Amino acid sequence: MRTVKCMTKRTNPCLREAIADIAYNAGWMASRGEIEAVDSRELVSSIITWAEEFERGFDRGDDYILAVDEFAKSKLIETYGKSTA
């Protein structure tokens, strides 16, 4: 199990934005029944880790909203997606 990283005021504003956008996608997808996270603390930890990963790889010349949404949806489905069986 991962430990949850606590954020401080010194956290990069771009990282905070990515965390918020990924979390928004998670809430939207959960409300539509596309994903299911049993452990909310694990989900939060995953979102923080993914936001850090996204920020390391994001090219500032790309369309941010499109990039973060595609990244988030891919990670969320891969990790918390409901099987369609």
PDB file of N, CA and C in Angstrom:
ATOM      1  N   MET A   1       0.842  -1.187   0.000  1.00  0.00           N
ATOM      2  CA  MET A   1       0.000   0.000   0.000  1.00  0.00           C
ATOM      3  C   MET A   1       0.879   1.240   0.000  1.00  0.00           C
ATOM      4  N   ARG A   2       0.496   2.210  -0.789  1.00  0.00           N
ATOM      5  CA  ARG A   2       1.251   3.448  -0.882  1.00  0.00           C
ATOM      6  C   ARG A   2       0.911   4.380   0.274  1.00  0.00           C
ATOM      7  N   THR A   3       1.866   5.195   0.657  1.00  0.00           N
ATOM      8  CA  THR A   3       1.576   6.214   1.653  1.00  0.00           C
ATOM      9  C   THR A   3       1.118   7.468   0.918  1.00  0.00           C
ATOM     10  N   VAL A   4       0.202   8.185   1.498  1.00  0.00           N
ATOM     11  CA  VAL A   4      -0.322   9.395   0.886  1.00  0.00           C
ATOM     12  C   VAL A   4       0.655  10.536   1.135  1.00  0.00           C
ATOM     13  N   LYS A   5       0.987  11.231   0.078  1.00  0.00           N
ATOM     14  CA  LYS A   5       1.878  12.379   0.193  1.00  0.00           C
ATOM     15  C   LYS A   5       1.046  13.597   0.555  1.00  0.00           C
ATOM     16  N   CYS A   6       1.484  14.331   1.563  1.00  0.00           N
ATOM     17  CA  CYS A   6       0.774  15.543   1.953  1.00  0.00           C
ATOM     18  C   CYS A   6       1.293  16.711   1.129  1.00  0.00           C
ATOM     19  N   MET A   7       0.367  17.531   0.699  1.00  0.00           N
ATOM     20  CA  MET A   7       0.740  18.691  -0.099  1.00  0.00           C
ATOM     21  C   MET A   7       0.932  19.890   0.807  1.00  0.00           C
ATOM     22  N   THR A   8       1.827  20.771   0.421  1.00  0.00           N
ATOM     23  CA  THR A   8       2.063  22.000   1.166  1.00  0.00           C
ATOM     24  C   THR A   8       1.854  23.188   0.235  1.00  0.00           C
ATOM     25  N   LYS A   9       1.905  24.370   0.791  1.00  0.00           N
ATOM     26  CA  LYS A   9       1.767  25.586  -0.018  1.00  0.00           C
ATOM     27  C   LYS A   9       2.891  25.702  -1.038  1.00  0.00           C
ATOM     28  N   ARG A  10       3.986  25.009  -0.818  1.00  0.00           N
ATOM     29  CA  ARG A  10       5.127  25.088  -1.728  1.00  0.00           C
ATOM     30  C   ARG A  10       4.983  24.185  -2.944  1.00  0.00           C
ATOM     31  N   THR A  11       3.904  23.440  -3.039  1.00  0.00           N
ATOM     32  CA  THR A  11       3.698  22.552  -4.174  1.00  0.00           C
ATOM     33  C   THR A  11       3.537  23.378  -5.442  1.00  0.00           C
ATOM     34  N   ASN A  12       4.126  22.906  -6.508  1.00  0.00           N
ATOM     35  CA  ASN A  12       4.067  23.544  -7.815  1.00  0.00           C
ATOM     36  C   ASN A  12       2.608  23.778  -8.229  1.00  0.00           C
ATOM     37  N   PRO A  13       2.255  25.007  -8.656  1.00  0.00           N
ATOM     38  CA  PRO A  13       0.874  25.276  -9.077  1.00  0.00           C
ATOM     39  C   PRO A  13       0.431  24.388 -10.244  1.00  0.00           C
ATOM     40  N   CYS A  14       1.329  24.048 -11.140  1.00  0.00           N
ATOM     41  CA  CYS A  14       0.979  23.166 -12.261  1.00  0.00           C
ATOM     42  C   CYS A  14       0.621  21.772 -11.742  1.00  0.00           C
ATOM     43  N   LEU A  15       1.346  21.308 -10.732  1.00  0.00           N
ATOM     44  CA  LEU A  15       1.054  20.008 -10.139  1.00  0.00           C
ATOM     45  C   LEU A  15      -0.314  20.027  -9.469  1.00  0.00           C
ATOM     46  N   ARG A  16      -0.613  21.089  -8.758  1.00  0.00           N
ATOM     47  CA  ARG A  16      -1.930  21.203  -8.105  1.00  0.00           C
ATOM     48  C   ARG A  16      -3.049  21.185  -9.142  1.00  0.00           C
ATOM     49  N   GLU A  17      -2.829  21.859 -10.257  1.00  0.00           N
ATOM     50  CA  GLU A  17      -3.841  21.881 -11.315  1.00  0.00           C
ATOM     51  C   GLU A  17      -4.044  20.480 -11.892  1.00  0.00           C
ATOM     52  N   ALA A  18      -2.952  19.757 -12.119  1.00  0.00           N
ATOM     53  CA  ALA A  18      -3.060  18.398 -12.657  1.00  0.00           C
ATOM     54  C   ALA A  18      -3.793  17.482 -11.670  1.00  0.00           C
ATOM     55  N   ILE A  19      -3.504  17.624 -10.391  1.00  0.00           N
ATOM     56  CA  ILE A  19      -4.193  16.823  -9.370  1.00  0.00           C
ATOM     57  C   ILE A  19      -5.688  17.105  -9.422  1.00  0.00           C
ATOM     58  N   ALA A  20      -6.055  18.372  -9.481  1.00  0.00           N
ATOM     59  CA  ALA A  20      -7.474  18.735  -9.523  1.00  0.00           C
ATOM     60  C   ALA A  20      -8.145  18.181 -10.778  1.00  0.00           C
ATOM     61  N   ASP A  21      -7.484  18.279 -11.914  1.00  0.00           N
ATOM     62  CA  ASP A  21      -8.074  17.798 -13.161  1.00  0.00           C
ATOM     63  C   ASP A  21      -8.232  16.283 -13.179  1.00  0.00           C
ATOM     64  N   ILE A  22      -7.242  15.574 -12.673  1.00  0.00           N
ATOM     65  CA  ILE A  22      -7.345  14.110 -12.621  1.00  0.00           C
ATOM     66  C   ILE A  22      -8.435  13.698 -11.635  1.00  0.00           C
ATOM     67  N   ALA A  23      -8.505  14.380 -10.496  1.00  0.00           N
ATOM     68  CA  ALA A  23      -9.547  14.081  -9.507  1.00  0.00           C
ATOM     69  C   ALA A  23     -10.935  14.366 -10.077  1.00  0.00           C
ATOM     70  N   TYR A  24     -11.067  15.443 -10.828  1.00  0.00           N
ATOM     71  CA  TYR A  24     -12.352  15.758 -11.457  1.00  0.00           C
ATOM     72  C   TYR A  24     -12.762  14.640 -12.412  1.00  0.00           C
ATOM     73  N   ASN A  25     -11.814  14.173 -13.229  1.00  0.00           N
ATOM     74  CA  ASN A  25     -12.086  13.057 -14.138  1.00  0.00           C
ATOM     75  C   ASN A  25     -12.501  11.818 -13.355  1.00  0.00           C
ATOM     76  N   ALA A  26     -11.834  11.558 -12.246  1.00  0.00           N
ATOM     77  CA  ALA A  26     -12.164  10.380 -11.430  1.00  0.00           C
ATOM     78  C   ALA A  26     -13.598  10.473 -10.912  1.00  0.00           C
ATOM     79  N   GLY A  27     -13.981  11.627 -10.413  1.00  0.00           N
ATOM     80  CA  GLY A  27     -15.345  11.806  -9.909  1.00  0.00           C
ATOM     81  C   GLY A  27     -16.380  11.650 -11.009  1.00  0.00           C
ATOM     82  N   TRP A  28     -16.095  12.231 -12.158  1.00  0.00           N
ATOM     83  CA  TRP A  28     -17.019  12.142 -13.286  1.00  0.00           C
ATOM     84  C   TRP A  28     -17.167  10.692 -13.743  1.00  0.00           C
ATOM     85  N   MET A  29     -16.042   9.993 -13.863  1.00  0.00           N
ATOM     86  CA  MET A  29     -16.084   8.603 -14.319  1.00  0.00           C
ATOM     87  C   MET A  29     -16.755   7.699 -13.288  1.00  0.00           C
ATOM     88  N   ALA A  30     -16.528   7.961 -12.006  1.00  0.00           N
ATOM     89  CA  ALA A  30     -17.181   7.170 -10.952  1.00  0.00           C
ATOM     90  C   ALA A  30     -18.689   7.395 -10.978  1.00  0.00           C
ATOM     91  N   SER A  31     -19.104   8.627 -11.201  1.00  0.00           N
ATOM     92  CA  SER A  31     -20.542   8.923 -11.227  1.00  0.00           C
ATOM     93  C   SER A  31     -21.241   8.257 -12.405  1.00  0.00           C
ATOM     94  N   ARG A  32     -20.499   7.982 -13.453  1.00  0.00           N
ATOM     95  CA  ARG A  32     -21.050   7.312 -14.637  1.00  0.00           C
ATOM     96  C   ARG A  32     -20.891   5.792 -14.556  1.00  0.00           C
ATOM     97  N   GLY A  33     -20.287   5.316 -13.475  1.00  0.00           N
ATOM     98  CA  GLY A  33     -20.118   3.878 -13.296  1.00  0.00           C
ATOM     99  C   GLY A  33     -18.999   3.278 -14.129  1.00  0.00           C
ATOM    100  N   GLU A  34     -18.090   4.118 -14.626  1.00  0.00           N
ATOM    101  CA  GLU A  34     -16.991   3.633 -15.460  1.00  0.00           C
ATOM    102  C   GLU A  34     -15.820   3.104 -14.638  1.00  0.00           C
ATOM    103  N   ILE A  35     -15.676   3.619 -13.431  1.00  0.00           N
ATOM    104  CA  ILE A  35     -14.616   3.168 -12.526  1.00  0.00           C
ATOM    105  C   ILE A  35     -15.205   2.947 -11.143  1.00  0.00           C
ATOM    106  N   GLU A  36     -14.476   2.179 -10.341  1.00  0.00           N
ATOM    107  CA  GLU A  36     -14.883   1.951  -8.951  1.00  0.00           C
ATOM    108  C   GLU A  36     -13.622   1.827  -8.107  1.00  0.00           C
ATOM    109  N   ALA A  37     -13.499   2.714  -7.140  1.00  0.00           N
ATOM    110  CA  ALA A  37     -12.370   2.684  -6.216  1.00  0.00           C
ATOM    111  C   ALA A  37     -12.896   2.333  -4.832  1.00  0.00           C
ATOM    112  N   VAL A  38     -12.498   1.190  -4.325  1.00  0.00           N
ATOM    113  CA  VAL A  38     -12.963   0.734  -3.012  1.00  0.00           C
ATOM    114  C   VAL A  38     -12.281   1.524  -1.898  1.00  0.00           C
ATOM    115  N   ASP A  39     -10.997   1.826  -2.069  1.00  0.00           N
ATOM    116  CA  ASP A  39     -10.205   2.514  -1.047  1.00  0.00           C
ATOM    117  C   ASP A  39      -9.924   3.946  -1.519  1.00  0.00           C
ATOM    118  N   SER A  40     -10.610   4.911  -0.947  1.00  0.00           N
ATOM    119  CA  SER A  40     -10.457   6.297  -1.393  1.00  0.00           C
ATOM    120  C   SER A  40      -9.052   6.837  -1.149  1.00  0.00           C
ATOM    121  N   ARG A  41      -8.396   6.386  -0.094  1.00  0.00           N
ATOM    122  CA  ARG A  41      -7.035   6.860   0.196  1.00  0.00           C
ATOM    123  C   ARG A  41      -6.066   6.358  -0.876  1.00  0.00           C
ATOM    124  N   GLU A  42      -6.280   5.144  -1.338  1.00  0.00           N
ATOM    125  CA  GLU A  42      -5.449   4.614  -2.420  1.00  0.00           C
ATOM    126  C   GLU A  42      -5.670   5.428  -3.692  1.00  0.00           C
ATOM    127  N   LEU A  43      -6.923   5.771  -3.977  1.00  0.00           N
ATOM    128  CA  LEU A  43      -7.233   6.578  -5.155  1.00  0.00           C
ATOM    129  C   LEU A  43      -6.548   7.938  -5.063  1.00  0.00           C
ATOM    130  N   VAL A  44      -6.626   8.584  -3.923  1.00  0.00           N
ATOM    131  CA  VAL A  44      -5.978   9.889  -3.742  1.00  0.00           C
ATOM    132  C   VAL A  44      -4.468   9.771  -3.963  1.00  0.00           C
ATOM    133  N   SER A  45      -3.873   8.753  -3.394  1.00  0.00           N
ATOM    134  CA  SER A  45      -2.439   8.538  -3.567  1.00  0.00           C
ATOM    135  C   SER A  45      -2.097   8.317  -5.041  1.00  0.00           C
ATOM    136  N   SER A  46      -2.923   7.534  -5.724  1.00  0.00           N
ATOM    137  CA  SER A  46      -2.707   7.293  -7.152  1.00  0.00           C
ATOM    138  C   SER A  46      -2.811   8.594  -7.940  1.00  0.00           C
ATOM    139  N   ILE A  47      -3.792   9.420  -7.631  1.00  0.00           N
ATOM    140  CA  ILE A  47      -3.983  10.687  -8.343  1.00  0.00           C
ATOM    141  C   ILE A  47      -2.761  11.582  -8.181  1.00  0.00           C
ATOM    142  N   ILE A  48      -2.223  11.661  -6.986  1.00  0.00           N
ATOM    143  CA  ILE A  48      -1.033  12.486  -6.745  1.00  0.00           C
ATOM    144  C   ILE A  48       0.151  11.945  -7.543  1.00  0.00           C
ATOM    145  N   THR A  49       0.345  10.636  -7.509  1.00  0.00           N
ATOM    146  CA  THR A  49       1.448  10.016  -8.247  1.00  0.00           C
ATOM    147  C   THR A  49       1.291  10.251  -9.746  1.00  0.00           C
ATOM    148  N   TRP A  50       0.071  10.077 -10.249  1.00  0.00           N
ATOM    149  CA  TRP A  50      -0.171  10.281 -11.686  1.00  0.00           C
ATOM    150  C   TRP A  50       0.033  11.732 -12.084  1.00  0.00           C
ATOM    151  N   ALA A  51      -0.377  12.671 -11.244  1.00  0.00           N
ATOM    152  CA  ALA A  51      -0.185  14.089 -11.548  1.00  0.00           C
ATOM    153  C   ALA A  51       1.299  14.411 -11.655  1.00  0.00           C
ATOM    154  N   GLU A  52       2.092  13.845 -10.764  1.00  0.00           N
ATOM    155  CA  GLU A  52       3.540  14.037 -10.830  1.00  0.00           C
ATOM    156  C   GLU A  52       4.093  13.460 -12.130  1.00  0.00           C
ATOM    157  N   GLU A  53       3.634  12.266 -12.492  1.00  0.00           N
ATOM    158  CA  GLU A  53       4.065  11.626 -13.739  1.00  0.00           C
ATOM    159  C   GLU A  53       3.652  12.473 -14.948  1.00  0.00           C
ATOM    160  N   PHE A  54       2.417  12.952 -14.940  1.00  0.00           N
ATOM    161  CA  PHE A  54       1.930  13.777 -16.044  1.00  0.00           C
ATOM    162  C   PHE A  54       2.779  15.033 -16.185  1.00  0.00           C
ATOM    163  N   GLU A  55       3.030  15.710 -15.088  1.00  0.00           N
ATOM    164  CA  GLU A  55       3.800  16.951 -15.127  1.00  0.00           C
ATOM    165  C   GLU A  55       5.227  16.737 -15.642  1.00  0.00           C
ATOM    166  N   ARG A  56       5.830  15.620 -15.284  1.00  0.00           N
ATOM    167  CA  ARG A  56       7.185  15.329 -15.775  1.00  0.00           C
ATOM    168  C   ARG A  56       7.209  15.140 -17.288  1.00  0.00           C
ATOM    169  N   GLY A  57       6.135  14.596 -17.852  1.00  0.00           N
ATOM    170  CA  GLY A  57       6.133  14.265 -19.267  1.00  0.00           C
ATOM    171  C   GLY A  57       5.362  15.217 -20.161  1.00  0.00           C
ATOM    172  N   PHE A  58       4.670  16.195 -19.583  1.00  0.00           N
ATOM    173  CA  PHE A  58       3.823  17.073 -20.386  1.00  0.00           C
ATOM    174  C   PHE A  58       4.649  18.122 -21.098  1.00  0.00           C
ATOM    175  N   ASP A  59       4.448  18.230 -22.394  1.00  0.00           N
ATOM    176  CA  ASP A  59       5.102  19.253 -23.218  1.00  0.00           C
ATOM    177  C   ASP A  59       4.217  20.493 -23.206  1.00  0.00           C
ATOM    178  N   ARG A  60       4.729  21.588 -22.708  1.00  0.00           N
ATOM    179  CA  ARG A  60       3.944  22.827 -22.559  1.00  0.00           C
ATOM    180  C   ARG A  60       3.392  23.349 -23.880  1.00  0.00           C
ATOM    181  N   GLY A  61       3.863  22.832 -25.002  1.00  0.00           N
ATOM    182  CA  GLY A  61       3.339  23.249 -26.293  1.00  0.00           C
ATOM    183  C   GLY A  61       2.063  22.503 -26.671  1.00  0.00           C
ATOM    184  N   ASP A  62       1.746  21.433 -25.946  1.00  0.00           N
ATOM    185  CA  ASP A  62       0.558  20.621 -26.237  1.00  0.00           C
ATOM    186  C   ASP A  62      -0.698  21.265 -25.649  1.00  0.00           C
ATOM    187  N   ASP A  63      -1.848  20.770 -26.073  1.00  0.00           N
ATOM    188  CA  ASP A  63      -3.138  21.194 -25.527  1.00  0.00           C
ATOM    189  C   ASP A  63      -3.289  20.544 -24.150  1.00  0.00           C
ATOM    190  N   TYR A  64      -3.183  21.350 -23.089  1.00  0.00           N
ATOM    191  CA  TYR A  64      -3.180  20.829 -21.724  1.00  0.00           C
ATOM    192  C   TYR A  64      -4.442  20.040 -21.401  1.00  0.00           C
ATOM    193  N   ILE A  65      -5.608  20.621 -21.651  1.00  0.00           N
ATOM    194  CA  ILE A  65      -6.866  19.979 -21.254  1.00  0.00           C
ATOM    195  C   ILE A  65      -7.010  18.625 -21.940  1.00  0.00           C
ATOM    196  N   LEU A  66      -6.771  18.575 -23.229  1.00  0.00           N
ATOM    197  CA  LEU A  66      -6.868  17.317 -23.955  1.00  0.00           C
ATOM    198  C   LEU A  66      -5.868  16.301 -23.409  1.00  0.00           C
ATOM    199  N   ALA A  67      -4.645  16.750 -23.180  1.00  0.00           N
ATOM    200  CA  ALA A  67      -3.593  15.847 -22.702  1.00  0.00           C
ATOM    201  C   ALA A  67      -3.900  15.302 -21.313  1.00  0.00           C
ATOM    202  N   VAL A  68      -4.291  16.157 -20.380  1.00  0.00           N
ATOM    203  CA  VAL A  68      -4.539  15.692 -19.013  1.00  0.00           C
ATOM    204  C   VAL A  68      -5.774  14.802 -18.966  1.00  0.00           C
ATOM    205  N   ASP A  69      -6.796  15.127 -19.753  1.00  0.00           N
ATOM    206  CA  ASP A  69      -8.000  14.287 -19.767  1.00  0.00           C
ATOM    207  C   ASP A  69      -7.696  12.897 -20.324  1.00  0.00           C
ATOM    208  N   GLU A  70      -6.965  12.829 -21.426  1.00  0.00           N
ATOM    209  CA  GLU A  70      -6.612  11.528 -22.003  1.00  0.00           C
ATOM    210  C   GLU A  70      -5.740  10.722 -21.051  1.00  0.00           C
ATOM    211  N   PHE A  71      -4.774  11.387 -20.433  1.00  0.00           N
ATOM    212  CA  PHE A  71      -3.882  10.738 -19.470  1.00  0.00           C
ATOM    213  C   PHE A  71      -4.690  10.192 -18.294  1.00  0.00           C
ATOM    214  N   ALA A  72      -5.548  11.035 -17.730  1.00  0.00           N
ATOM    215  CA  ALA A  72      -6.339  10.636 -16.557  1.00  0.00           C
ATOM    216  C   ALA A  72      -7.255   9.461 -16.886  1.00  0.00           C
ATOM    217  N   LYS A  73      -7.971   9.553 -17.980  1.00  0.00           N
ATOM    218  CA  LYS A  73      -8.905   8.489 -18.346  1.00  0.00           C
ATOM    219  C   LYS A  73      -8.176   7.168 -18.545  1.00  0.00           C
ATOM    220  N   SER A  74      -7.017   7.219 -19.184  1.00  0.00           N
ATOM    221  CA  SER A  74      -6.241   6.003 -19.408  1.00  0.00           C
ATOM    222  C   SER A  74      -5.815   5.368 -18.080  1.00  0.00           C
ATOM    223  N   LYS A  75      -5.263   6.178 -17.177  1.00  0.00           N
ATOM    224  CA  LYS A  75      -4.807   5.670 -15.878  1.00  0.00           C
ATOM    225  C   LYS A  75      -5.975   5.152 -15.039  1.00  0.00           C
ATOM    226  N   LEU A  76      -7.067   5.892 -15.031  1.00  0.00           N
ATOM    227  CA  LEU A  76      -8.221   5.511 -14.215  1.00  0.00           C
ATOM    228  C   LEU A  76      -8.854   4.215 -14.699  1.00  0.00           C
ATOM    229  N   ILE A  77      -9.020   4.071 -16.005  1.00  0.00           N
ATOM    230  CA  ILE A  77      -9.594   2.831 -16.552  1.00  0.00           C
ATOM    231  C   ILE A  77      -8.665   1.657 -16.296  1.00  0.00           C
ATOM    232  N   GLU A  78      -7.369   1.875 -16.516  1.00  0.00           N
ATOM    233  CA  GLU A  78      -6.383   0.809 -16.309  1.00  0.00           C
ATOM    234  C   GLU A  78      -6.395   0.307 -14.871  1.00  0.00           C
ATOM    235  N   THR A  79      -6.536   1.217 -13.917  1.00  0.00           N
ATOM    236  CA  THR A  79      -6.416   0.864 -12.508  1.00  0.00           C
ATOM    237  C   THR A  79      -7.756   0.562 -11.836  1.00  0.00           C
ATOM    238  N   TYR A  80      -8.785   1.319 -12.176  1.00  0.00           N
ATOM    239  CA  TYR A  80     -10.055   1.201 -11.452  1.00  0.00           C
ATOM    240  C   TYR A  80     -11.233   0.883 -12.354  1.00  0.00           C
ATOM    241  N   GLY A  81     -10.979   0.588 -13.636  1.00  0.00           N
ATOM    242  CA  GLY A  81     -12.066   0.342 -14.567  1.00  0.00           C
ATOM    243  C   GLY A  81     -12.865  -0.894 -14.209  1.00  0.00           C
ATOM    244  N   LYS A  82     -14.158  -0.795 -14.418  1.00  0.00           N
ATOM    245  CA  LYS A  82     -15.043  -1.931 -14.178  1.00  0.00           C
ATOM    246  C   LYS A  82     -15.003  -2.839 -15.393  1.00  0.00           C
ATOM    247  N   SER A  83     -14.960  -4.104 -15.155  1.00  0.00           N
ATOM    248  CA  SER A  83     -14.980  -5.047 -16.287  1.00  0.00           C
ATOM    249  C   SER A  83     -16.366  -5.039 -16.901  1.00  0.00           C
ATOM    250  N   THR A  84     -16.401  -5.263 -18.188  1.00  0.00           N
ATOM    251  CA  THR A  84     -17.685  -5.249 -18.896  1.00  0.00           C
ATOM    252  C   THR A  84     -18.193  -6.658 -19.155  1.00  0.00           C
ATOM    253  N   ALA A  85     -17.689  -7.615 -18.383  1.00  0.00           N
ATOM    254  CA  ALA A  85     -18.076  -9.024 -18.574  1.00  0.00           C
ATOM    255  C   ALA A  85     -19.476  -9.297 -18.113  1.00  0.00           C
TER     256      ALA A  85
END
